[in-house]
Amino acid sequence: MKTSKIIPKVLRFLRPYSFLTLLSVIISAASVFLTLYVPILIGEAIDLIIEKGNVDIEGIVPILVRAFVCVAATALLNWTVSTINNKITFEVIRDVRKNAFRKLEELPLSYLDSHPSGDIVSRIISDVDSFADGLLLGFTQFFTGVLTILGTLIFMFALNPVIAVIVVVLTPLSLFVARFVSKHTYDMFKVQSETRGEQTALIDEAIGEQKVVKAFSREDEIMESFDEINERLIRASVKATFFSSLVNPCTRFVNSLVYAAVGCFGALFVAFGSGAMTVGTLSCFLGYANQYTKPFNEISGVITELQNALACAERIFDFIEEKPRTPDKADAVVMDNVSGKVKLDNVYFSYVPEQKLIEDLNLEASPGQRIAIVGPTGCGKTTVINLLMRFYDVSSGAISVDDVDVRDMTRSSLRSSFGMVLQDTWLMRGTVRDNISMGKPDATGEEIIAAAKAAHAHSFIKRLPNGYDTLLDENGENLSQGQRQLLSIARVMLCLPPMLILDEATSSIDTRTEMKIQDAFLKMMKGRTSFIVAHRLSTIREADVILVMRDGNVIEKGSHDELLAAGGFYAELYNSQFAS
């Protein structure tokens, strides 16, 4: 993405704060005018000091008073501008981060499944912070610097056009150097930002899976991977910083030449210019030469920071502009009082187009029916669940609930019609009560306790330090895996939607508790359409229909007894688990 394409995107976020931006520019202009007016006053005061013993004190004092007032007013204006610029910057950053997080909620699962979570975190946190730093510098120095340059030029041309032309002729050298370096550092900062995102992804992964790393003694290998990325980050950072740091000394050298030229030509005008330029005027001009060249040094430094900020902005805007999931149709149906009739009609789906997965899948579940899905790992069991919940849309064919295509109903009403317990549990940071009532925030305390008892979680919850008000760590890390799964089951027990999905819902629970949970599930599933995914075939013998999947296809279908009698693939799976 080119800089010319990024700037308009930044300006779009600035548009709501146009008034504050205009106010900042106006106050900056006033501050610059007062700053540039002070050298004129100093020059006038110098001209009143003619020689020793011949100093016009009465004339100097009013000038110095005006200069003091100008300096004080400038300080107040600079403070005001700084406050306004900080407000604009952090309001914009809030909006950018809000848009990025909203996009995170809108993205299809296919994007989240294919991008490291650490890289996404780096974009929303680190890249936005770098963008904020560049934006704040741009406001505080870039605009003021440009106004200072323009104002100084006006004052210099008014005082002496010849010397002003000399300054203008020499100045482009500074701009050329700054442009040359910044053009080459943009790509370097982009590599730096991408490498930082890669490093964040590795750290996030290492923290989340630290137990697995230690269990397999992979500390050294993880450290080697971190060192390799860290070295690349160092090289990218040093390279970007080294080249960007060339800007300031190069522009300072050019600016020193400008200052020397002004001094030399100004001295000649004072000596041989028949009074056209006085010593005070020369002093004023030298002050302007400093004022004129100083913004170039600041702007050159700001440009370096802006390159980093724009490189980070590119990653942020790339993320914000990612294609969201297919939105609900304008006339999408809101499903109420779902009976639980589900039909899959000639469904085809694959995560990667060139790699086939589910082909011509047909299934019809009557209201209240219990459908079990079994098969070897990777056969497509969980994929069927993803399609039922519309986490992914089918490639072709159709899935309907109560004879309504799921693509013609709102996602919210579809998913609220399903209760879901997965093998991988997820708990938010909050109390036990908050986690159980996630699907029913208005649930009473009695309802929450009843759901916990039904899930056989009440006994261990009572033993927690604060019972139902115990604060859980991120993802419930202060609970065992089995306890987390019981809370997930209690969450569904509280909602009791018309359809259920149980994907290895008791995989982390001990056998004795599992038997109790299975009894609770049988009561819960009564009258509700249920889809049960299980590897332990003992848990699905009571299912009304068992679908046996292999390579994305249903190869057998029937009850437990019918499939055993058939002696097919299901019988092989079952006997392999229970053979003596």
Protein backbone atom coordinates (compact mmCIF):
# COMPACT_ATOMS: atom_id res chain seq x y z
CA MET A 1 0.00 0.00 0.00
CA LYS A 2 1.51 3.32 -1.03
CA THR A 3 1.78 6.31 1.28
CA SER A 4 -0.58 8.22 -1.03
CA LYS A 5 -3.24 5.62 -0.27
CA ILE A 6 -2.65 5.54 3.49
CA ILE A 7 -2.88 9.30 4.08
CA PRO A 8 -6.54 9.56 2.89
CA LYS A 9 -7.44 6.71 5.27
CA VAL A 10 -5.85 8.61 8.16
CA LEU A 11 -7.69 11.77 7.14
CA ARG A 12 -10.97 9.85 7.16
CA PHE A 13 -10.48 9.13 10.86
CA LEU A 14 -9.55 12.79 11.42
CA ARG A 15 -12.74 14.08 9.77
CA PRO A 16 -14.92 13.93 12.94
CA TYR A 17 -12.37 16.20 14.64
CA SER A 18 -12.16 18.79 11.85
CA PHE A 19 -13.07 21.65 14.20
CA LEU A 20 -10.34 20.75 16.69
CA THR A 21 -7.85 20.31 13.85
CA LEU A 22 -8.74 23.73 12.40
CA LEU A 23 -8.49 25.27 15.88
CA SER A 24 -5.06 23.67 16.32
CA VAL A 25 -3.87 25.11 12.99
CA ILE A 26 -5.17 28.60 13.84
CA ILE A 27 -3.56 28.65 17.29
CA SER A 28 -0.33 27.23 15.82
CA ALA A 29 -0.33 30.02 13.24
CA ALA A 30 -0.78 32.62 16.00
CA SER A 31 2.03 31.02 18.00
CA VAL A 32 4.32 31.02 14.97
CA PHE A 33 3.52 34.68 14.22
CA LEU A 34 4.39 35.74 17.75
CA THR A 35 7.56 33.62 17.69
CA LEU A 36 8.66 35.29 14.45
CA TYR A 37 7.72 38.75 15.71
CA VAL A 38 10.15 38.50 18.64
CA PRO A 39 13.35 38.66 16.44
CA ILE A 40 12.04 41.92 14.90
CA LEU A 41 11.66 43.40 18.38
CA ILE A 42 15.14 42.19 19.37
CA GLY A 43 16.54 43.71 16.15
CA GLU A 44 14.89 47.05 16.94
CA ALA A 45 16.33 46.95 20.45
CA ILE A 46 19.82 46.25 19.08
CA ASP A 47 19.57 49.22 16.74
CA LEU A 48 18.88 51.41 19.80
CA ILE A 49 22.23 50.35 21.25
CA ILE A 50 24.44 52.52 19.03
CA GLU A 51 27.66 52.71 20.99
CA LYS A 52 28.98 52.74 24.53
CA GLY A 53 27.29 55.47 26.54
CA ASN A 54 24.74 56.13 23.84
CA VAL A 55 21.95 53.64 24.61
CA ASP A 56 18.29 54.61 24.24
CA ILE A 57 16.92 52.99 27.43
CA GLU A 58 13.53 54.68 27.10
CA GLY A 59 13.11 53.18 23.67
CA ILE A 60 14.42 49.70 24.64
CA VAL A 61 12.18 49.09 27.70
CA PRO A 62 8.82 49.18 25.83
CA ILE A 63 10.31 46.88 23.18
CA LEU A 64 11.47 44.38 25.81
CA VAL A 65 8.03 44.51 27.49
CA ARG A 66 6.38 43.67 24.15
CA ALA A 67 8.88 40.87 23.61
CA PHE A 68 8.11 39.44 27.08
CA VAL A 69 4.36 39.59 26.39
CA CYS A 70 4.89 37.82 23.04
CA VAL A 71 7.01 35.07 24.66
CA ALA A 72 4.46 34.54 27.45
CA ALA A 73 1.57 34.44 24.98
CA THR A 74 3.51 31.99 22.79
CA ALA A 75 4.06 29.66 25.77
CA LEU A 76 0.34 29.71 26.59
CA LEU A 77 -0.63 29.06 22.96
CA ASN A 78 1.88 26.19 22.68
CA TRP A 79 0.41 24.58 25.80
CA THR A 80 -3.11 24.95 24.36
CA VAL A 81 -2.06 23.47 21.01
CA SER A 82 -0.33 20.57 22.75
CA THR A 83 -3.50 19.81 24.74
CA ILE A 84 -5.68 19.94 21.61
CA ASN A 85 -3.25 17.78 19.62
CA ASN A 86 -3.13 15.16 22.37
CA LYS A 87 -6.92 15.05 22.47
CA ILE A 88 -7.19 14.68 18.67
CA THR A 89 -4.51 11.98 18.57
CA PHE A 90 -5.93 9.79 21.31
CA GLU A 91 -9.50 10.25 20.09
CA VAL A 92 -8.37 9.06 16.64
CA ILE A 93 -6.43 6.15 18.14
CA ARG A 94 -9.49 5.17 20.18
CA ASP A 95 -11.56 5.13 16.98
CA VAL A 96 -8.94 3.15 15.05
CA ARG A 97 -8.61 0.56 17.80
CA LYS A 98 -12.40 0.39 18.16
CA ASN A 99 -12.77 -0.22 14.42
CA ALA A 100 -10.05 -2.87 14.53
CA PHE A 101 -11.71 -4.69 17.43
CA ARG A 102 -15.13 -4.43 15.75
CA LYS A 103 -13.55 -5.94 12.62
CA LEU A 104 -12.22 -8.76 14.79
CA GLU A 105 -15.81 -9.57 15.76
CA GLU A 106 -16.98 -9.37 12.14
CA LEU A 107 -14.28 -11.49 10.51
CA PRO A 108 -15.12 -15.00 9.36
CA LEU A 109 -13.58 -17.86 11.31
CA SER A 110 -11.59 -18.76 8.19
CA TYR A 111 -9.48 -15.61 8.69
CA LEU A 112 -8.94 -16.23 12.40
CA ASP A 113 -8.07 -19.87 11.73
CA SER A 114 -5.45 -18.90 9.14
CA HIS A 115 -3.73 -15.98 10.96
CA PRO A 116 -1.71 -16.22 14.19
CA SER A 117 -3.55 -14.62 17.08
CA GLY A 118 -0.31 -12.98 18.24
CA ASP A 119 0.03 -11.12 14.94
CA ILE A 120 -3.55 -9.85 15.23
CA VAL A 121 -2.86 -8.71 18.82
CA SER A 122 0.30 -6.96 17.61
CA ARG A 123 -1.67 -5.04 14.98
CA ILE A 124 -4.35 -3.89 17.41
CA ILE A 125 -1.96 -3.01 20.26
CA SER A 126 1.67 -2.40 19.20
CA ASP A 127 1.04 -1.09 15.69
CA VAL A 128 -1.69 1.26 16.87
CA ASP A 129 0.64 2.59 19.59
CA SER A 130 3.38 3.26 17.02
CA PHE A 131 0.82 4.92 14.78
CA ALA A 132 -0.25 7.11 17.72
CA ASP A 133 3.34 8.22 18.34
CA GLY A 134 3.78 9.20 14.69
CA LEU A 135 0.41 10.96 14.55
CA LEU A 136 1.15 12.97 17.70
CA LEU A 137 4.55 14.01 16.34
CA GLY A 138 2.93 14.98 13.07
CA PHE A 139 0.50 17.27 14.87
CA THR A 140 2.96 18.80 17.32
CA GLN A 141 5.92 19.34 14.97
CA PHE A 142 4.99 18.85 11.34
CA PHE A 143 2.21 21.47 11.08
CA THR A 144 4.02 23.95 13.31
CA GLY A 145 7.21 23.41 11.30
CA VAL A 146 5.47 24.04 7.98
CA LEU A 147 3.83 27.20 9.33
CA THR A 148 7.19 28.38 10.71
CA ILE A 149 8.86 27.90 7.33
CA LEU A 150 6.13 29.81 5.48
CA GLY A 151 6.01 32.58 8.07
CA THR A 152 9.78 32.96 8.13
CA LEU A 153 9.91 33.22 4.36
CA ILE A 154 7.32 36.01 4.39
CA PHE A 155 9.25 37.95 7.03
CA MET A 156 12.62 37.42 5.26
CA PHE A 157 11.31 38.55 1.87
CA ALA A 158 9.86 41.63 3.57
CA LEU A 159 13.25 42.45 5.15
CA ASN A 160 15.63 41.59 2.28
CA PRO A 161 14.48 39.72 -0.85
CA VAL A 162 18.04 39.03 -2.08
CA ILE A 163 19.16 37.14 1.02
CA ALA A 164 15.75 35.43 1.21
CA VAL A 165 16.30 34.08 -2.34
CA ILE A 166 19.70 32.70 -1.31
CA VAL A 167 18.04 30.86 1.59
CA VAL A 168 15.29 29.47 -0.64
CA VAL A 169 17.83 28.27 -3.24
CA LEU A 170 19.93 26.37 -0.67
CA THR A 171 17.02 24.88 1.32
CA PRO A 172 15.87 22.24 -1.24
CA LEU A 173 19.11 20.34 -0.57
CA SER A 174 17.77 19.60 2.92
CA LEU A 175 14.42 18.45 1.54
CA PHE A 176 16.12 16.25 -1.04
CA VAL A 177 18.20 14.49 1.62
CA ALA A 178 15.16 13.96 3.87
CA ARG A 179 13.03 12.62 1.01
CA PHE A 180 15.80 10.29 -0.22
CA VAL A 181 16.32 8.71 3.20
CA SER A 182 12.61 8.48 4.16
CA LYS A 183 11.77 6.83 0.85
CA HIS A 184 14.20 4.01 1.62
CA THR A 185 13.33 3.64 5.31
CA TYR A 186 9.58 3.01 4.80
CA ASP A 187 10.13 -0.58 3.63
CA MET A 188 12.61 -1.13 6.47
CA PHE A 189 10.09 -0.04 9.09
CA LYS A 190 7.45 -2.24 7.45
CA VAL A 191 9.73 -5.28 7.79
CA GLN A 192 10.39 -4.29 11.41
CA SER A 193 6.65 -4.12 12.16
CA GLU A 194 5.94 -7.47 10.47
CA THR A 195 8.78 -9.15 12.35
CA ARG A 196 7.51 -7.70 15.63
CA GLY A 197 4.09 -9.22 14.87
CA GLU A 198 5.75 -12.58 14.19
CA GLN A 199 7.58 -12.35 17.51
CA THR A 200 4.37 -11.49 19.38
CA ALA A 201 2.67 -14.52 17.80
CA LEU A 202 5.46 -16.83 18.99
CA ILE A 203 5.38 -15.39 22.52
CA ASP A 204 1.59 -15.73 22.65
CA GLU A 205 1.83 -19.34 21.49
CA ALA A 206 4.63 -20.17 23.94
CA ILE A 207 2.69 -18.72 26.89
CA GLY A 208 -0.56 -20.46 25.96
CA GLU A 209 1.07 -23.84 25.41
CA GLN A 210 3.79 -23.69 28.08
CA LYS A 211 2.70 -26.96 29.68
CA VAL A 212 3.04 -28.79 26.37
CA VAL A 213 6.44 -27.19 25.75
CA LYS A 214 7.70 -28.35 29.15
CA ALA A 215 6.10 -31.80 28.86
CA PHE A 216 8.01 -32.50 25.63
CA SER A 217 11.17 -30.67 26.74
CA ARG A 218 10.95 -28.27 23.83
CA GLU A 219 12.32 -25.28 25.75
CA ASP A 220 15.57 -25.20 23.75
CA GLU A 221 13.80 -25.43 20.39
CA ILE A 222 11.33 -22.67 21.34
CA MET A 223 14.25 -20.56 22.55
CA GLU A 224 16.05 -21.11 19.23
CA SER A 225 12.95 -20.02 17.31
CA PHE A 226 12.64 -16.94 19.52
CA ASP A 227 16.33 -16.11 19.11
CA GLU A 228 16.07 -16.42 15.32
CA ILE A 229 13.08 -14.04 15.15
CA ASN A 230 14.67 -11.75 17.73
CA GLU A 231 17.87 -11.55 15.67
CA ARG A 232 15.86 -10.70 12.55
CA LEU A 233 14.00 -8.03 14.53
CA ILE A 234 17.31 -6.58 15.76
CA ARG A 235 18.72 -6.48 12.23
CA ALA A 236 15.56 -4.89 10.83
CA SER A 237 15.39 -2.36 13.67
CA VAL A 238 19.08 -1.42 13.51
CA LYS A 239 18.94 -1.07 9.74
CA ALA A 240 15.82 1.12 9.83
CA THR A 241 17.14 3.21 12.72
CA PHE A 242 20.62 3.64 11.17
CA PHE A 243 19.34 4.89 7.83
CA SER A 244 16.65 7.05 9.39
CA SER A 245 19.22 8.61 11.76
CA LEU A 246 21.15 9.92 8.73
CA VAL A 247 18.43 12.49 8.10
CA ASN A 248 19.12 14.80 11.02
CA PRO A 249 22.91 15.26 10.65
CA CYS A 250 22.61 15.65 6.86
CA THR A 251 19.92 18.31 7.14
CA ARG A 252 21.82 20.05 9.95
CA PHE A 253 24.88 20.28 7.68
CA VAL A 254 22.81 21.86 4.90
CA ASN A 255 21.15 24.21 7.39
CA SER A 256 24.55 25.31 8.71
CA LEU A 257 25.50 26.24 5.15
CA VAL A 258 22.32 28.34 4.93
CA TYR A 259 23.13 30.09 8.21
CA ALA A 260 26.70 30.81 7.11
CA ALA A 261 25.50 32.18 3.76
CA VAL A 262 23.01 34.50 5.50
CA GLY A 263 25.74 35.75 7.85
CA CYS A 264 28.25 36.41 5.06
CA PHE A 265 25.87 38.15 2.66
CA GLY A 266 24.19 40.03 5.51
CA ALA A 267 27.54 41.37 6.73
CA LEU A 268 28.33 42.60 3.21
CA PHE A 269 24.98 44.38 3.04
CA VAL A 270 25.62 46.06 6.40
CA ALA A 271 29.13 47.12 5.38
CA PHE A 272 28.45 48.21 1.80
CA GLY A 273 24.68 48.46 1.52
CA SER A 274 24.35 52.19 2.15
CA GLY A 275 22.28 51.65 5.28
CA ALA A 276 19.70 49.34 3.68
CA MET A 277 20.45 46.75 6.35
CA THR A 278 21.39 47.60 9.93
CA VAL A 279 23.11 45.44 12.53
CA GLY A 280 19.74 44.91 14.20
CA THR A 281 18.21 43.80 10.90
CA LEU A 282 21.11 41.39 10.33
CA SER A 283 20.60 40.01 13.85
CA CYS A 284 16.92 39.58 13.04
CA PHE A 285 17.80 37.84 9.77
CA LEU A 286 20.20 35.45 11.52
CA GLY A 287 17.43 34.66 13.99
CA TYR A 288 15.12 33.91 11.10
CA ALA A 289 17.78 31.74 9.48
CA ASN A 290 17.79 29.64 12.66
CA GLN A 291 14.01 29.68 12.84
CA TYR A 292 13.79 28.73 9.17
CA THR A 293 16.24 25.84 9.28
CA LYS A 294 15.12 24.44 12.65
CA PRO A 295 11.78 23.10 11.33
CA PHE A 296 13.65 21.24 8.59
CA ASN A 297 15.58 19.34 11.25
CA GLU A 298 12.37 18.68 13.18
CA ILE A 299 10.38 17.74 10.08
CA SER A 300 13.16 15.41 8.89
CA GLY A 301 13.03 13.67 12.28
CA VAL A 302 9.24 13.59 12.16
CA ILE A 303 9.32 12.12 8.65
CA THR A 304 11.39 9.23 9.99
CA GLU A 305 8.84 8.59 12.72
CA LEU A 306 6.02 9.02 10.22
CA GLN A 307 7.52 6.30 8.02
CA ASN A 308 7.34 3.93 10.97
CA ALA A 309 3.83 5.15 11.81
CA LEU A 310 2.65 4.75 8.21
CA ALA A 311 4.17 1.26 7.98
CA CYS A 312 2.20 0.32 11.12
CA ALA A 313 -0.89 2.11 9.78
CA GLU A 314 -0.72 0.00 6.64
CA ARG A 315 -0.94 -3.20 8.72
CA ILE A 316 -3.79 -1.73 10.77
CA PHE A 317 -5.80 -0.60 7.75
CA ASP A 318 -5.14 -3.90 5.97
CA PHE A 319 -6.75 -5.59 8.96
CA ILE A 320 -9.64 -3.11 9.23
CA GLU A 321 -10.36 -3.48 5.50
CA GLU A 322 -10.33 -7.28 5.53
CA LYS A 323 -13.42 -8.71 3.92
CA PRO A 324 -15.95 -9.38 6.72
CA ARG A 325 -18.10 -12.44 6.90
CA THR A 326 -21.15 -12.48 4.64
CA PRO A 327 -23.68 -10.25 6.41
CA ASP A 328 -27.19 -11.36 7.25
CA LYS A 329 -29.63 -10.67 4.46
CA ALA A 330 -31.76 -7.55 4.74
CA ASP A 331 -34.87 -9.73 4.96
CA ALA A 332 -33.25 -12.41 7.13
CA VAL A 333 -35.73 -14.34 9.27
CA VAL A 334 -35.52 -14.15 13.07
CA MET A 335 -36.25 -17.69 14.23
CA ASP A 336 -38.48 -18.04 17.27
CA ASN A 337 -39.92 -21.18 18.82
CA VAL A 338 -37.77 -23.51 16.72
CA SER A 339 -39.10 -27.08 16.67
CA GLY A 340 -35.70 -28.62 15.87
CA LYS A 341 -36.18 -30.03 12.39
CA VAL A 342 -32.78 -29.97 10.66
CA LYS A 343 -31.95 -30.98 7.09
CA LEU A 344 -28.66 -31.14 5.19
CA ASP A 345 -29.31 -31.42 1.47
CA ASN A 346 -26.45 -32.32 -0.94
CA VAL A 347 -23.92 -30.40 1.15
CA TYR A 348 -20.41 -29.90 -0.22
CA PHE A 349 -17.68 -28.11 1.75
CA SER A 350 -13.91 -27.80 2.00
CA TYR A 351 -11.68 -25.40 3.92
CA VAL A 352 -9.25 -25.31 0.98
CA PRO A 353 -10.79 -25.44 -2.51
CA GLU A 354 -8.23 -27.90 -3.88
CA GLN A 355 -8.60 -30.25 -0.90
CA LYS A 356 -11.95 -32.04 -0.81
CA LEU A 357 -13.58 -32.75 2.55
CA ILE A 358 -17.39 -33.11 2.72
CA GLU A 359 -19.12 -34.26 -0.44
CA ASP A 360 -22.83 -34.78 -1.07
CA LEU A 361 -23.78 -35.01 2.62
CA ASN A 362 -27.48 -35.64 3.21
CA LEU A 363 -29.12 -35.79 6.62
CA GLU A 364 -32.57 -35.17 8.05
CA ALA A 365 -33.13 -34.87 11.80
CA SER A 366 -36.67 -34.84 13.16
CA PRO A 367 -37.56 -32.69 16.18
CA GLY A 368 -36.33 -34.31 19.37
CA GLN A 369 -34.14 -36.82 17.55
CA ARG A 370 -30.65 -37.67 18.83
CA ILE A 371 -28.08 -37.83 16.06
CA ALA A 372 -24.62 -39.19 16.85
CA ILE A 373 -21.69 -38.56 14.50
CA VAL A 374 -18.71 -40.89 14.73
CA GLY A 375 -15.66 -41.67 12.67
CA PRO A 376 -11.88 -41.46 12.63
CA THR A 377 -10.02 -38.22 13.29
CA GLY A 378 -10.21 -35.78 10.37
CA CYS A 379 -13.29 -37.36 8.78
CA GLY A 380 -15.33 -34.14 9.06
CA LYS A 381 -17.34 -34.56 12.29
CA THR A 382 -16.50 -31.17 13.78
CA THR A 383 -16.83 -29.60 10.33
CA VAL A 384 -20.47 -30.66 10.26
CA ILE A 385 -20.94 -28.85 13.58
CA ASN A 386 -19.26 -25.73 12.16
CA LEU A 387 -21.68 -25.80 9.24
CA LEU A 388 -24.73 -26.30 11.46
CA MET A 389 -23.74 -23.26 13.55
CA ARG A 390 -22.89 -21.38 10.34
CA PHE A 391 -19.35 -20.68 11.46
CA TYR A 392 -18.67 -21.55 7.82
CA ASP A 393 -21.06 -21.46 4.87
CA VAL A 394 -21.48 -24.51 2.67
CA SER A 395 -19.71 -24.49 -0.71
CA SER A 396 -22.87 -25.86 -2.31
CA GLY A 397 -26.09 -27.49 -1.20
CA ALA A 398 -28.18 -26.24 1.69
CA ILE A 399 -28.73 -26.59 5.43
CA SER A 400 -32.19 -25.76 6.76
CA VAL A 401 -33.78 -25.47 10.18
CA ASP A 402 -37.58 -25.80 10.29
CA ASP A 403 -37.51 -25.72 6.45
CA VAL A 404 -35.73 -22.32 6.42
CA ASP A 405 -32.28 -22.13 4.83
CA VAL A 406 -29.79 -21.04 7.53
CA ARG A 407 -28.48 -18.40 5.09
CA ASP A 408 -31.96 -16.85 5.10
CA MET A 409 -32.09 -16.40 8.88
CA THR A 410 -30.09 -14.20 11.23
CA ARG A 411 -26.98 -15.77 12.67
CA SER A 412 -27.96 -14.62 16.14
CA SER A 413 -31.32 -16.38 16.12
CA LEU A 414 -29.78 -19.52 14.58
CA ARG A 415 -27.03 -19.78 17.18
CA SER A 416 -29.33 -18.93 20.09
CA SER A 417 -31.38 -21.97 19.00
CA PHE A 418 -28.38 -24.22 19.65
CA GLY A 419 -26.74 -25.06 22.94
CA MET A 420 -23.12 -26.03 22.43
CA VAL A 421 -20.59 -27.84 24.63
CA LEU A 422 -17.20 -28.40 23.03
CA GLN A 423 -14.15 -30.42 23.95
CA ASP A 424 -12.15 -27.17 24.04
CA THR A 425 -13.75 -25.14 26.79
CA TRP A 426 -13.66 -21.36 26.93
CA LEU A 427 -14.21 -19.33 30.07
CA MET A 428 -13.93 -15.58 30.32
CA ARG A 429 -12.22 -13.66 33.09
CA GLY A 430 -15.01 -13.11 35.59
CA THR A 431 -16.89 -14.89 38.33
CA VAL A 432 -18.21 -18.43 38.16
CA ARG A 433 -21.71 -16.93 38.17
CA ASP A 434 -20.89 -14.71 35.15
CA ASN A 435 -19.54 -17.67 33.18
CA ILE A 436 -22.56 -19.88 33.80
CA SER A 437 -25.04 -17.10 32.98
CA MET A 438 -23.28 -16.08 29.75
CA GLY A 439 -26.10 -17.37 27.57
CA LYS A 440 -28.81 -16.06 29.92
CA PRO A 441 -27.60 -12.86 31.63
CA ASP A 442 -30.94 -12.27 33.38
CA ALA A 443 -30.92 -15.68 35.10
CA THR A 444 -31.73 -15.69 38.81
CA GLY A 445 -29.37 -17.09 41.43
CA GLU A 446 -31.67 -20.07 41.96
CA GLU A 447 -31.65 -20.86 38.22
CA ILE A 448 -27.84 -20.72 38.12
CA ILE A 449 -27.51 -23.03 41.12
CA ALA A 450 -30.06 -25.45 39.63
CA ALA A 451 -28.10 -25.57 36.34
CA ALA A 452 -24.84 -26.16 38.25
CA LYS A 453 -26.44 -29.00 40.21
CA ALA A 454 -27.77 -30.55 36.99
CA ALA A 455 -24.23 -30.42 35.58
CA HIS A 456 -22.79 -31.85 38.83
CA ALA A 457 -20.69 -28.70 39.24
CA HIS A 458 -22.35 -27.36 42.39
CA SER A 459 -20.24 -29.44 44.79
CA PHE A 460 -16.86 -28.21 43.55
CA ILE A 461 -18.15 -24.62 43.17
CA LYS A 462 -19.11 -24.59 46.88
CA ARG A 463 -15.52 -25.54 47.73
CA LEU A 464 -14.08 -22.55 45.86
CA PRO A 465 -12.91 -19.61 48.03
CA ASN A 466 -15.95 -17.44 47.26
CA GLY A 467 -18.30 -20.01 45.80
CA TYR A 468 -20.22 -18.69 42.81
CA ASP A 469 -18.54 -15.29 43.22
CA THR A 470 -15.01 -16.72 42.85
CA LEU A 471 -13.07 -14.77 40.23
CA LEU A 472 -11.66 -17.01 37.50
CA ASP A 473 -8.36 -16.36 35.77
CA GLU A 474 -8.10 -15.98 32.01
CA ASN A 475 -9.80 -19.01 30.46
CA GLY A 476 -10.33 -20.43 33.95
CA GLU A 477 -6.71 -21.41 34.45
CA ASN A 478 -7.27 -21.71 38.22
CA LEU A 479 -9.66 -24.63 37.56
CA SER A 480 -8.93 -28.12 36.29
CA GLN A 481 -9.86 -29.03 32.72
CA GLY A 482 -12.70 -31.21 34.02
CA GLN A 483 -14.09 -28.41 36.19
CA ARG A 484 -13.99 -26.02 33.23
CA GLN A 485 -15.93 -28.52 31.17
CA LEU A 486 -18.54 -28.91 33.91
CA LEU A 487 -19.06 -25.13 33.93
CA SER A 488 -19.50 -25.22 30.14
CA ILE A 489 -22.13 -27.91 30.57
CA ALA A 490 -23.87 -25.88 33.30
CA ARG A 491 -23.95 -22.91 30.91
CA VAL A 492 -26.01 -24.97 28.44
CA MET A 493 -28.13 -26.50 31.20
CA LEU A 494 -29.20 -22.96 32.14
CA CYS A 495 -30.29 -21.98 28.62
CA LEU A 496 -31.88 -25.24 27.46
CA PRO A 497 -32.33 -24.24 23.78
CA PRO A 498 -34.36 -26.39 21.38
CA MET A 499 -31.26 -27.94 19.77
CA LEU A 500 -28.03 -29.22 21.30
CA ILE A 501 -24.51 -29.86 20.05
CA LEU A 502 -22.24 -31.97 22.22
CA ASP A 503 -18.75 -32.27 20.73
CA GLU A 504 -16.76 -34.59 23.02
CA ALA A 505 -18.57 -32.80 25.85
CA THR A 506 -17.34 -35.19 28.58
CA SER A 507 -13.83 -35.89 27.31
CA SER A 508 -12.11 -34.33 30.36
CA ILE A 509 -14.44 -35.72 33.02
CA ASP A 510 -13.79 -38.77 35.21
CA THR A 511 -15.80 -41.92 34.49
CA ARG A 512 -18.01 -41.71 37.59
CA THR A 513 -18.97 -38.10 36.97
CA GLU A 514 -19.42 -38.86 33.26
CA MET A 515 -22.07 -41.46 34.08
CA LYS A 516 -23.98 -38.85 36.11
CA ILE A 517 -23.57 -36.27 33.33
CA GLN A 518 -24.83 -38.75 30.75
CA ASP A 519 -28.00 -39.21 32.82
CA ALA A 520 -28.37 -35.41 32.98
CA PHE A 521 -27.81 -35.20 29.24
CA LEU A 522 -30.51 -37.80 28.59
CA LYS A 523 -32.99 -35.69 30.55
CA MET A 524 -31.82 -32.50 28.84
CA MET A 525 -31.98 -34.03 25.35
CA LYS A 526 -35.52 -35.24 25.80
CA GLY A 527 -37.66 -33.40 23.24
CA ARG A 528 -34.62 -31.56 21.84
CA THR A 529 -32.83 -32.26 18.57
CA SER A 530 -29.30 -33.23 19.56
CA PHE A 531 -26.09 -33.72 17.63
CA ILE A 532 -23.48 -35.72 19.52
CA VAL A 533 -19.88 -36.04 18.37
CA ALA A 534 -17.91 -38.66 20.27
CA HIS A 535 -14.86 -40.87 19.99
CA ARG A 536 -15.92 -42.98 22.96
CA LEU A 537 -18.68 -45.02 21.36
CA SER A 538 -20.08 -46.09 24.75
CA THR A 539 -21.51 -42.57 25.10
CA ILE A 540 -23.70 -42.71 21.98
CA ARG A 541 -25.33 -46.16 22.16
CA GLU A 542 -28.67 -44.56 23.11
CA ALA A 543 -28.72 -42.28 20.04
CA ASP A 544 -31.70 -42.61 17.69
CA VAL A 545 -29.48 -42.43 14.59
CA ILE A 546 -25.72 -42.89 14.31
CA LEU A 547 -23.92 -41.44 11.30
CA VAL A 548 -20.59 -43.06 10.52
CA MET A 549 -18.30 -40.72 8.59
CA ARG A 550 -15.08 -41.37 6.72
CA ASP A 551 -13.28 -38.94 4.37
CA GLY A 552 -16.14 -36.43 4.52
CA ASN A 553 -18.84 -38.92 3.54
CA VAL A 554 -21.52 -40.75 5.52
CA ILE A 555 -20.75 -44.39 4.85
CA GLU A 556 -23.16 -45.98 7.35
CA LYS A 557 -26.35 -44.92 9.05
CA GLY A 558 -28.58 -46.60 11.63
CA SER A 559 -29.06 -47.39 15.29
CA HIS A 560 -26.34 -48.90 17.45
CA ASP A 561 -27.75 -52.42 17.23
CA GLU A 562 -28.40 -52.16 13.47
CA LEU A 563 -24.85 -51.04 12.75
CA LEU A 564 -23.32 -53.77 14.92
CA ALA A 565 -25.45 -56.37 13.16
CA ALA A 566 -24.32 -55.03 9.79
CA GLY A 567 -20.70 -55.81 10.71
CA GLY A 568 -19.35 -52.79 8.82
CA PHE A 569 -16.95 -49.97 9.69
CA TYR A 570 -18.90 -48.98 12.84
CA ALA A 571 -18.68 -52.55 14.15
CA GLU A 572 -14.91 -52.45 13.59
CA LEU A 573 -14.61 -49.16 15.50
CA TYR A 574 -16.79 -50.40 18.34
CA ASN A 575 -15.07 -53.75 18.68
CA SER A 576 -11.65 -52.09 18.57
CA GLN A 577 -12.61 -50.13 21.70
CA PHE A 578 -14.26 -52.95 23.62
CA ALA A 579 -12.47 -56.09 22.44
CA SER A 580 -11.10 -58.12 25.34
